[in-house]
Structures are given as structure tokens and as C-alpha cells.
Amino acid sequence: MTHETRRTVPTRDQLRIWRDYIETAEALRVRLAGRLQQHSALSSGDYQVLLALSEAPENTLRSSEIATAIGWERSRLSHHLGRMEKRELITRTACNDSVHGIDVRLTDAGSKAFRASTAPHLRDIRELFVDALSPEQLAHVEEFTGALRRHLEPGD
């Protein structure tokens, strides 16, 4: 390994911090997803889709907009939407203004499931994340995630 190569790899401490971050974030994600499923029978993917639709005008978005909003590949989303449609949480129809576009609409059942899941999910977020940190630590998390998001923006 050349001196130049050594300078481009993370140090042992940096790798430890990275691993602690990844493992902790994954443990939090898994715990929250498990509680969401237990309390509401919704997966975290269901919740992400329903949240995006609940915030959209007329509770409708193109599937491509949902994929972008939640950071999923279109094929993964398409399969997931199919499962949600079978459970009558959403409906899919061809876009009026596009040959290939699909409009996804939140159904009454989907809206009801989303509303019923929100309060328990928010309590779990408070218990597992917010309550574990001081106000100063939360401010640091905000600063840290903001720096990462800016660094990861397209064009960087």
C-alpha cells in the first residue's frame, strides 16, 4: 500500500465510528419497524408510501414521485404497491396525461390504517430515539444529518 493510498482510507477510529453509526441506525430501524408492524399491521414500506400519499394534493401521486420521495427503485415500489393494492390501502390507475405513468391514490381504508398507526408510531419514535438524547445531542444529530445530506446531494 502506498502512502497516498493510506491517506484515502478511513482510520481505525473513523471505521469504528462508522460501524457504530450503521449498526445503531439499523437496530433503531428494525425496532421501529417491528413495533409499527405489531401495532398496526403496516410495514415500514407501507407507512412510507401512505405518508407520502397523505401529504400529497388529493392524496394522489405518480408512482415515480413516490419512488423518488422514499428513495426506492421503481421496480421495488411497483411490487410493493401491488401488495398494498391487494390489501385495498391504495389504488393505481393510468395517468390521464401520460402513456406510461401510473397515479397512486390513497383509499379510505389506507387513510384509516395510516391515521390509526401514526400515534403509536410517533410514541415509539419518542421512546426509542428522542428520549435517548438530550436537547443538545438532538441538535448535533440535526447538524450531522444536515451535513451528510448536503454532501450526498447530486452534483457533489
N, C-alpha and C. Protein backbone atom coordinates (compact mmCIF):
# COMPACT_ATOMS: atom_id res chain seq x y z
N MET A 1 0.85 -1.17 0.00
CA MET A 1 0.00 0.00 0.00
C MET A 1 0.90 1.24 0.00
N THR A 2 0.61 2.16 -0.90
CA THR A 2 1.43 3.37 -0.97
C THR A 2 0.96 4.37 0.08
N HIS A 3 1.83 5.34 0.32
CA HIS A 3 1.50 6.40 1.28
C HIS A 3 0.23 7.13 0.84
N GLU A 4 0.08 7.38 -0.46
CA GLU A 4 -1.09 8.07 -0.99
C GLU A 4 -2.36 7.26 -0.74
N THR A 5 -2.33 5.95 -0.91
CA THR A 5 -3.48 5.09 -0.68
C THR A 5 -3.88 5.09 0.78
N ARG A 6 -2.90 5.03 1.66
CA ARG A 6 -3.20 5.02 3.09
C ARG A 6 -3.95 6.26 3.52
N ARG A 7 -3.67 7.38 2.91
CA ARG A 7 -4.33 8.62 3.29
C ARG A 7 -5.79 8.67 2.83
N THR A 8 -6.16 7.85 1.87
CA THR A 8 -7.53 7.90 1.35
C THR A 8 -8.47 6.93 2.05
N VAL A 9 -7.95 6.04 2.85
CA VAL A 9 -8.82 5.11 3.58
C VAL A 9 -9.07 5.65 4.99
N PRO A 10 -10.23 5.31 5.55
CA PRO A 10 -10.52 5.79 6.91
C PRO A 10 -9.55 5.21 7.94
N THR A 11 -9.34 5.96 8.99
CA THR A 11 -8.51 5.47 10.09
C THR A 11 -9.30 4.42 10.88
N ARG A 12 -8.63 3.73 11.76
CA ARG A 12 -9.29 2.73 12.61
C ARG A 12 -10.41 3.37 13.44
N ASP A 13 -10.15 4.54 14.02
CA ASP A 13 -11.18 5.23 14.80
C ASP A 13 -12.35 5.66 13.91
N GLN A 14 -12.06 6.15 12.72
CA GLN A 14 -13.13 6.55 11.81
C GLN A 14 -13.99 5.35 11.42
N LEU A 15 -13.37 4.21 11.18
CA LEU A 15 -14.12 3.00 10.85
C LEU A 15 -14.97 2.53 12.03
N ARG A 16 -14.45 2.66 13.24
CA ARG A 16 -15.22 2.28 14.43
C ARG A 16 -16.45 3.17 14.56
N ILE A 17 -16.28 4.46 14.36
CA ILE A 17 -17.40 5.40 14.44
C ILE A 17 -18.43 5.08 13.35
N TRP A 18 -17.95 4.83 12.14
CA TRP A 18 -18.83 4.47 11.03
C TRP A 18 -19.65 3.22 11.36
N ARG A 19 -18.97 2.20 11.85
CA ARG A 19 -19.64 0.94 12.15
C ARG A 19 -20.65 1.13 13.29
N ASP A 20 -20.28 1.87 14.32
CA ASP A 20 -21.22 2.15 15.41
C ASP A 20 -22.46 2.86 14.88
N TYR A 21 -22.25 3.83 14.01
CA TYR A 21 -23.37 4.57 13.43
C TYR A 21 -24.28 3.63 12.64
N ILE A 22 -23.72 2.86 11.73
CA ILE A 22 -24.51 1.96 10.86
C ILE A 22 -25.26 0.93 11.69
N GLU A 23 -24.57 0.30 12.63
CA GLU A 23 -25.21 -0.74 13.45
C GLU A 23 -26.31 -0.17 14.33
N THR A 24 -26.10 1.02 14.88
CA THR A 24 -27.11 1.64 15.74
C THR A 24 -28.31 2.08 14.91
N ALA A 25 -28.07 2.69 13.77
CA ALA A 25 -29.17 3.13 12.90
C ALA A 25 -30.00 1.93 12.45
N GLU A 26 -29.35 0.84 12.12
CA GLU A 26 -30.07 -0.37 11.70
C GLU A 26 -30.87 -0.96 12.85
N ALA A 27 -30.29 -1.00 14.05
CA ALA A 27 -31.02 -1.52 15.21
C ALA A 27 -32.25 -0.67 15.49
N LEU A 28 -32.13 0.64 15.38
CA LEU A 28 -33.26 1.54 15.59
C LEU A 28 -34.32 1.32 14.51
N ARG A 29 -33.89 1.21 13.26
CA ARG A 29 -34.82 0.99 12.15
C ARG A 29 -35.59 -0.31 12.34
N VAL A 30 -34.88 -1.38 12.71
CA VAL A 30 -35.52 -2.69 12.90
C VAL A 30 -36.51 -2.64 14.07
N ARG A 31 -36.12 -2.01 15.15
CA ARG A 31 -37.01 -1.92 16.32
C ARG A 31 -38.26 -1.13 15.99
N LEU A 32 -38.10 0.02 15.33
CA LEU A 32 -39.27 0.82 14.96
C LEU A 32 -40.18 0.08 13.98
N ALA A 33 -39.58 -0.60 13.01
CA ALA A 33 -40.37 -1.36 12.03
C ALA A 33 -41.15 -2.48 12.71
N GLY A 34 -40.51 -3.16 13.64
CA GLY A 34 -41.18 -4.24 14.36
C GLY A 34 -42.36 -3.73 15.17
N ARG A 35 -42.18 -2.62 15.85
CA ARG A 35 -43.28 -2.05 16.63
C ARG A 35 -44.41 -1.55 15.74
N LEU A 36 -44.05 -0.95 14.61
CA LEU A 36 -45.07 -0.49 13.67
C LEU A 36 -45.90 -1.66 13.18
N GLN A 37 -45.24 -2.73 12.80
CA GLN A 37 -45.94 -3.93 12.32
C GLN A 37 -46.82 -4.51 13.43
N GLN A 38 -46.31 -4.54 14.64
CA GLN A 38 -47.04 -5.10 15.78
C GLN A 38 -48.29 -4.27 16.10
N HIS A 39 -48.16 -2.95 16.08
CA HIS A 39 -49.27 -2.08 16.46
C HIS A 39 -50.30 -1.87 15.35
N SER A 40 -49.86 -1.98 14.09
CA SER A 40 -50.76 -1.56 13.02
C SER A 40 -50.88 -2.53 11.85
N ALA A 41 -50.07 -3.57 11.82
CA ALA A 41 -50.01 -4.50 10.68
C ALA A 41 -49.52 -3.81 9.41
N LEU A 42 -48.90 -2.63 9.55
CA LEU A 42 -48.28 -1.96 8.41
C LEU A 42 -46.77 -2.17 8.48
N SER A 43 -46.16 -2.40 7.33
CA SER A 43 -44.71 -2.45 7.27
C SER A 43 -44.18 -1.02 7.21
N SER A 44 -42.90 -0.87 7.43
CA SER A 44 -42.33 0.48 7.32
C SER A 44 -42.46 0.98 5.88
N GLY A 45 -42.38 0.10 4.90
CA GLY A 45 -42.59 0.49 3.50
C GLY A 45 -44.01 0.98 3.26
N ASP A 46 -44.99 0.26 3.83
CA ASP A 46 -46.39 0.70 3.74
C ASP A 46 -46.52 2.11 4.31
N TYR A 47 -45.94 2.30 5.49
CA TYR A 47 -46.05 3.58 6.17
C TYR A 47 -45.43 4.70 5.33
N GLN A 48 -44.27 4.45 4.73
CA GLN A 48 -43.62 5.47 3.90
C GLN A 48 -44.51 5.87 2.73
N VAL A 49 -45.09 4.87 2.07
CA VAL A 49 -45.96 5.15 0.93
C VAL A 49 -47.20 5.90 1.39
N LEU A 50 -47.83 5.44 2.45
CA LEU A 50 -49.04 6.09 2.95
C LEU A 50 -48.76 7.51 3.43
N LEU A 51 -47.62 7.73 4.06
CA LEU A 51 -47.24 9.08 4.48
C LEU A 51 -47.11 10.00 3.27
N ALA A 52 -46.40 9.55 2.23
CA ALA A 52 -46.23 10.37 1.03
C ALA A 52 -47.58 10.70 0.41
N LEU A 53 -48.46 9.71 0.33
CA LEU A 53 -49.79 9.95 -0.25
C LEU A 53 -50.64 10.86 0.63
N SER A 54 -50.54 10.70 1.94
CA SER A 54 -51.36 11.52 2.84
C SER A 54 -50.97 12.99 2.77
N GLU A 55 -49.74 13.27 2.37
CA GLU A 55 -49.26 14.65 2.27
C GLU A 55 -49.45 15.25 0.88
N ALA A 56 -49.86 14.42 -0.08
CA ALA A 56 -49.98 14.87 -1.47
C ALA A 56 -51.34 15.51 -1.73
N PRO A 57 -51.38 16.45 -2.67
CA PRO A 57 -52.68 17.02 -3.06
C PRO A 57 -53.62 15.89 -3.53
N GLU A 58 -54.84 15.92 -3.01
CA GLU A 58 -55.85 14.92 -3.34
C GLU A 58 -55.39 13.49 -3.03
N ASN A 59 -54.41 13.36 -2.15
CA ASN A 59 -53.89 12.05 -1.73
C ASN A 59 -53.47 11.17 -2.91
N THR A 60 -52.92 11.81 -3.94
CA THR A 60 -52.54 11.11 -5.16
C THR A 60 -51.17 11.57 -5.62
N LEU A 61 -50.33 10.60 -6.02
CA LEU A 61 -49.02 10.89 -6.60
C LEU A 61 -48.77 9.90 -7.73
N ARG A 62 -47.93 10.31 -8.66
CA ARG A 62 -47.44 9.36 -9.64
C ARG A 62 -46.51 8.38 -8.93
N SER A 63 -46.47 7.16 -9.41
CA SER A 63 -45.60 6.17 -8.77
C SER A 63 -44.15 6.61 -8.82
N SER A 64 -43.74 7.28 -9.89
CA SER A 64 -42.35 7.76 -9.99
C SER A 64 -42.05 8.80 -8.91
N GLU A 65 -43.04 9.61 -8.55
CA GLU A 65 -42.85 10.61 -7.50
C GLU A 65 -42.71 9.93 -6.13
N ILE A 66 -43.47 8.87 -5.92
CA ILE A 66 -43.35 8.13 -4.66
C ILE A 66 -41.97 7.50 -4.57
N ALA A 67 -41.53 6.88 -5.66
CA ALA A 67 -40.21 6.24 -5.68
C ALA A 67 -39.12 7.24 -5.32
N THR A 68 -39.19 8.42 -5.89
CA THR A 68 -38.20 9.47 -5.59
C THR A 68 -38.32 9.91 -4.13
N ALA A 69 -39.54 10.10 -3.66
CA ALA A 69 -39.75 10.61 -2.30
C ALA A 69 -39.23 9.66 -1.24
N ILE A 70 -39.38 8.34 -1.47
CA ILE A 70 -38.97 7.39 -0.44
C ILE A 70 -37.65 6.70 -0.76
N GLY A 71 -37.06 7.05 -1.91
CA GLY A 71 -35.73 6.53 -2.24
C GLY A 71 -35.70 5.07 -2.66
N TRP A 72 -36.75 4.62 -3.32
CA TRP A 72 -36.81 3.23 -3.78
C TRP A 72 -36.66 3.16 -5.29
N GLU A 73 -36.18 2.03 -5.76
CA GLU A 73 -36.18 1.74 -7.20
C GLU A 73 -37.63 1.55 -7.64
N ARG A 74 -37.92 1.91 -8.88
CA ARG A 74 -39.29 1.81 -9.38
C ARG A 74 -39.81 0.37 -9.37
N SER A 75 -38.97 -0.59 -9.69
CA SER A 75 -39.45 -1.98 -9.71
C SER A 75 -39.81 -2.46 -8.31
N ARG A 76 -39.00 -2.11 -7.33
CA ARG A 76 -39.32 -2.48 -5.94
C ARG A 76 -40.65 -1.85 -5.53
N LEU A 77 -40.81 -0.57 -5.85
CA LEU A 77 -42.04 0.12 -5.50
C LEU A 77 -43.24 -0.52 -6.19
N SER A 78 -43.10 -0.86 -7.45
CA SER A 78 -44.20 -1.45 -8.19
C SER A 78 -44.69 -2.74 -7.53
N HIS A 79 -43.78 -3.58 -7.13
CA HIS A 79 -44.16 -4.83 -6.45
C HIS A 79 -44.84 -4.52 -5.11
N HIS A 80 -44.29 -3.55 -4.39
CA HIS A 80 -44.86 -3.20 -3.08
C HIS A 80 -46.27 -2.61 -3.26
N LEU A 81 -46.43 -1.74 -4.25
CA LEU A 81 -47.75 -1.16 -4.50
C LEU A 81 -48.77 -2.23 -4.86
N GLY A 82 -48.33 -3.25 -5.57
CA GLY A 82 -49.24 -4.35 -5.89
C GLY A 82 -49.76 -5.04 -4.64
N ARG A 83 -48.87 -5.25 -3.69
CA ARG A 83 -49.29 -5.87 -2.42
C ARG A 83 -50.22 -4.94 -1.64
N MET A 84 -49.92 -3.65 -1.66
CA MET A 84 -50.77 -2.69 -0.95
C MET A 84 -52.14 -2.58 -1.62
N GLU A 85 -52.17 -2.68 -2.93
CA GLU A 85 -53.44 -2.60 -3.65
C GLU A 85 -54.31 -3.81 -3.32
N LYS A 86 -53.72 -4.98 -3.21
CA LYS A 86 -54.47 -6.18 -2.84
C LYS A 86 -55.10 -6.04 -1.45
N ARG A 87 -54.43 -5.30 -0.58
CA ARG A 87 -54.95 -5.05 0.77
C ARG A 87 -55.86 -3.84 0.82
N GLU A 88 -56.12 -3.24 -0.35
CA GLU A 88 -57.01 -2.10 -0.53
C GLU A 88 -56.58 -0.84 0.22
N LEU A 89 -55.26 -0.68 0.39
CA LEU A 89 -54.72 0.52 1.01
C LEU A 89 -54.55 1.65 -0.01
N ILE A 90 -54.36 1.26 -1.28
CA ILE A 90 -54.16 2.22 -2.37
C ILE A 90 -54.87 1.69 -3.61
N THR A 91 -55.05 2.58 -4.59
CA THR A 91 -55.49 2.17 -5.92
C THR A 91 -54.48 2.72 -6.91
N ARG A 92 -54.35 2.04 -8.04
CA ARG A 92 -53.48 2.51 -9.12
C ARG A 92 -54.30 2.63 -10.40
N THR A 93 -54.08 3.75 -11.09
CA THR A 93 -54.75 3.97 -12.38
C THR A 93 -53.75 4.61 -13.33
N ALA A 94 -53.98 4.41 -14.62
CA ALA A 94 -53.13 5.04 -15.63
C ALA A 94 -53.33 6.56 -15.57
N CYS A 95 -52.22 7.30 -15.73
CA CYS A 95 -52.29 8.77 -15.73
C CYS A 95 -53.05 9.23 -16.97
N ASN A 96 -53.85 10.25 -16.82
CA ASN A 96 -54.58 10.81 -17.96
C ASN A 96 -53.64 11.50 -18.95
N ASP A 97 -52.55 12.05 -18.46
CA ASP A 97 -51.66 12.85 -19.31
C ASP A 97 -50.36 12.15 -19.68
N SER A 98 -50.27 10.83 -19.47
CA SER A 98 -49.03 10.12 -19.79
C SER A 98 -49.35 8.67 -20.13
N VAL A 99 -48.74 8.19 -21.19
CA VAL A 99 -48.97 6.81 -21.62
C VAL A 99 -48.41 5.82 -20.60
N HIS A 100 -47.26 6.15 -20.01
CA HIS A 100 -46.58 5.20 -19.13
C HIS A 100 -46.76 5.48 -17.64
N GLY A 101 -47.32 6.63 -17.30
CA GLY A 101 -47.42 7.00 -15.89
C GLY A 101 -48.55 6.29 -15.17
N ILE A 102 -48.35 6.09 -13.87
CA ILE A 102 -49.36 5.48 -13.01
C ILE A 102 -49.63 6.43 -11.85
N ASP A 103 -50.91 6.73 -11.63
CA ASP A 103 -51.32 7.51 -10.47
C ASP A 103 -51.64 6.55 -9.34
N VAL A 104 -51.15 6.86 -8.15
CA VAL A 104 -51.42 6.06 -6.96
C VAL A 104 -52.23 6.94 -6.02
N ARG A 105 -53.36 6.40 -5.59
CA ARG A 105 -54.27 7.16 -4.72
C ARG A 105 -54.47 6.40 -3.41
N LEU A 106 -54.47 7.15 -2.33
CA LEU A 106 -54.77 6.63 -1.01
C LEU A 106 -56.26 6.32 -0.92
N THR A 107 -56.62 5.11 -0.50
CA THR A 107 -58.03 4.75 -0.32
C THR A 107 -58.49 5.16 1.07
N ASP A 108 -59.79 5.07 1.29
CA ASP A 108 -60.32 5.33 2.63
C ASP A 108 -59.73 4.35 3.64
N ALA A 109 -59.61 3.09 3.24
CA ALA A 109 -59.02 2.08 4.14
C ALA A 109 -57.55 2.39 4.42
N GLY A 110 -56.83 2.84 3.40
CA GLY A 110 -55.43 3.21 3.59
C GLY A 110 -55.28 4.41 4.49
N SER A 111 -56.16 5.39 4.32
CA SER A 111 -56.13 6.58 5.16
C SER A 111 -56.44 6.22 6.61
N LYS A 112 -57.41 5.35 6.80
CA LYS A 112 -57.78 4.92 8.15
C LYS A 112 -56.62 4.15 8.81
N ALA A 113 -55.99 3.25 8.05
CA ALA A 113 -54.85 2.48 8.58
C ALA A 113 -53.69 3.40 8.93
N PHE A 114 -53.44 4.39 8.07
CA PHE A 114 -52.35 5.33 8.32
C PHE A 114 -52.62 6.15 9.57
N ARG A 115 -53.83 6.70 9.68
CA ARG A 115 -54.17 7.51 10.86
C ARG A 115 -54.08 6.69 12.14
N ALA A 116 -54.55 5.43 12.10
CA ALA A 116 -54.51 4.59 13.30
C ALA A 116 -53.07 4.23 13.70
N SER A 117 -52.17 4.17 12.74
CA SER A 117 -50.78 3.79 13.02
C SER A 117 -49.93 4.96 13.48
N THR A 118 -50.33 6.18 13.18
CA THR A 118 -49.47 7.34 13.41
C THR A 118 -49.18 7.62 14.87
N ALA A 119 -50.19 7.65 15.72
CA ALA A 119 -49.95 7.98 17.14
C ALA A 119 -49.03 6.95 17.81
N PRO A 120 -49.28 5.65 17.66
CA PRO A 120 -48.34 4.69 18.26
C PRO A 120 -46.93 4.80 17.68
N HIS A 121 -46.84 5.04 16.38
CA HIS A 121 -45.52 5.15 15.74
C HIS A 121 -44.76 6.36 16.27
N LEU A 122 -45.45 7.47 16.41
CA LEU A 122 -44.80 8.67 16.95
C LEU A 122 -44.38 8.48 18.40
N ARG A 123 -45.19 7.76 19.18
CA ARG A 123 -44.80 7.45 20.57
C ARG A 123 -43.54 6.59 20.58
N ASP A 124 -43.45 5.63 19.66
CA ASP A 124 -42.27 4.78 19.59
C ASP A 124 -41.03 5.58 19.18
N ILE A 125 -41.19 6.52 18.26
CA ILE A 125 -40.07 7.39 17.87
C ILE A 125 -39.59 8.18 19.08
N ARG A 126 -40.53 8.71 19.85
CA ARG A 126 -40.15 9.47 21.04
C ARG A 126 -39.40 8.57 22.02
N GLU A 127 -39.97 7.39 22.30
CA GLU A 127 -39.37 6.49 23.29
C GLU A 127 -37.99 5.99 22.86
N LEU A 128 -37.86 5.56 21.61
CA LEU A 128 -36.63 4.90 21.18
C LEU A 128 -35.55 5.86 20.68
N PHE A 129 -35.94 7.06 20.25
CA PHE A 129 -34.97 7.99 19.69
C PHE A 129 -34.88 9.28 20.50
N VAL A 130 -35.96 10.02 20.57
CA VAL A 130 -35.93 11.34 21.19
C VAL A 130 -35.55 11.25 22.66
N ASP A 131 -36.19 10.33 23.42
CA ASP A 131 -35.93 10.24 24.85
C ASP A 131 -34.52 9.77 25.19
N ALA A 132 -33.84 9.15 24.24
CA ALA A 132 -32.47 8.67 24.48
C ALA A 132 -31.44 9.79 24.41
N LEU A 133 -31.84 10.96 23.90
CA LEU A 133 -30.89 12.04 23.64
C LEU A 133 -31.29 13.31 24.39
N SER A 134 -30.28 14.07 24.78
CA SER A 134 -30.53 15.38 25.37
C SER A 134 -30.87 16.36 24.24
N PRO A 135 -31.43 17.53 24.59
CA PRO A 135 -31.69 18.53 23.56
C PRO A 135 -30.43 18.91 22.77
N GLU A 136 -29.30 18.97 23.46
CA GLU A 136 -28.04 19.31 22.78
C GLU A 136 -27.64 18.20 21.81
N GLN A 137 -27.83 16.95 22.22
CA GLN A 137 -27.49 15.83 21.34
C GLN A 137 -28.41 15.81 20.12
N LEU A 138 -29.69 16.11 20.33
CA LEU A 138 -30.62 16.18 19.19
C LEU A 138 -30.18 17.26 18.20
N ALA A 139 -29.72 18.39 18.72
CA ALA A 139 -29.23 19.46 17.84
C ALA A 139 -28.01 18.99 17.05
N HIS A 140 -27.15 18.21 17.70
CA HIS A 140 -25.98 17.67 17.00
C HIS A 140 -26.39 16.66 15.93
N VAL A 141 -27.41 15.86 16.22
CA VAL A 141 -27.91 14.91 15.21
C VAL A 141 -28.44 15.67 14.01
N GLU A 142 -29.17 16.75 14.26
CA GLU A 142 -29.69 17.57 13.16
C GLU A 142 -28.55 18.15 12.33
N GLU A 143 -27.54 18.65 13.00
CA GLU A 143 -26.37 19.21 12.32
C GLU A 143 -25.65 18.13 11.50
N PHE A 144 -25.45 16.99 12.11
CA PHE A 144 -24.76 15.86 11.48
C PHE A 144 -25.53 15.36 10.25
N THR A 145 -26.84 15.15 10.38
CA THR A 145 -27.61 14.64 9.24
C THR A 145 -27.70 15.69 8.14
N GLY A 146 -27.78 16.95 8.51
CA GLY A 146 -27.78 18.01 7.50
C GLY A 146 -26.49 18.03 6.70
N ALA A 147 -25.36 17.88 7.39
CA ALA A 147 -24.07 17.86 6.70
C ALA A 147 -23.99 16.66 5.75
N LEU A 148 -24.45 15.51 6.20
CA LEU A 148 -24.44 14.32 5.32
C LEU A 148 -25.34 14.52 4.11
N ARG A 149 -26.54 15.05 4.32
CA ARG A 149 -27.47 15.27 3.20
C ARG A 149 -26.87 16.24 2.18
N ARG A 150 -26.28 17.32 2.65
CA ARG A 150 -25.66 18.29 1.74
C ARG A 150 -24.51 17.63 0.96
N HIS A 151 -23.72 16.80 1.63
CA HIS A 151 -22.59 16.13 1.00
C HIS A 151 -23.07 15.13 -0.06
N LEU A 152 -24.22 14.52 0.17
CA LEU A 152 -24.73 13.49 -0.73
C LEU A 152 -25.62 14.03 -1.85
N GLU A 153 -25.87 15.34 -1.87
CA GLU A 153 -26.71 15.91 -2.91
C GLU A 153 -26.12 15.65 -4.28
N PRO A 154 -26.99 15.43 -5.26
CA PRO A 154 -26.48 15.21 -6.62
C PRO A 154 -25.59 16.36 -7.07
N GLY A 155 -24.57 16.01 -7.81
CA GLY A 155 -23.64 17.02 -8.30
C GLY A 155 -22.42 17.17 -7.45
N ASP A 156 -22.41 16.55 -6.26
CA ASP A 156 -21.24 16.63 -5.40
C ASP A 156 -20.26 15.52 -5.72
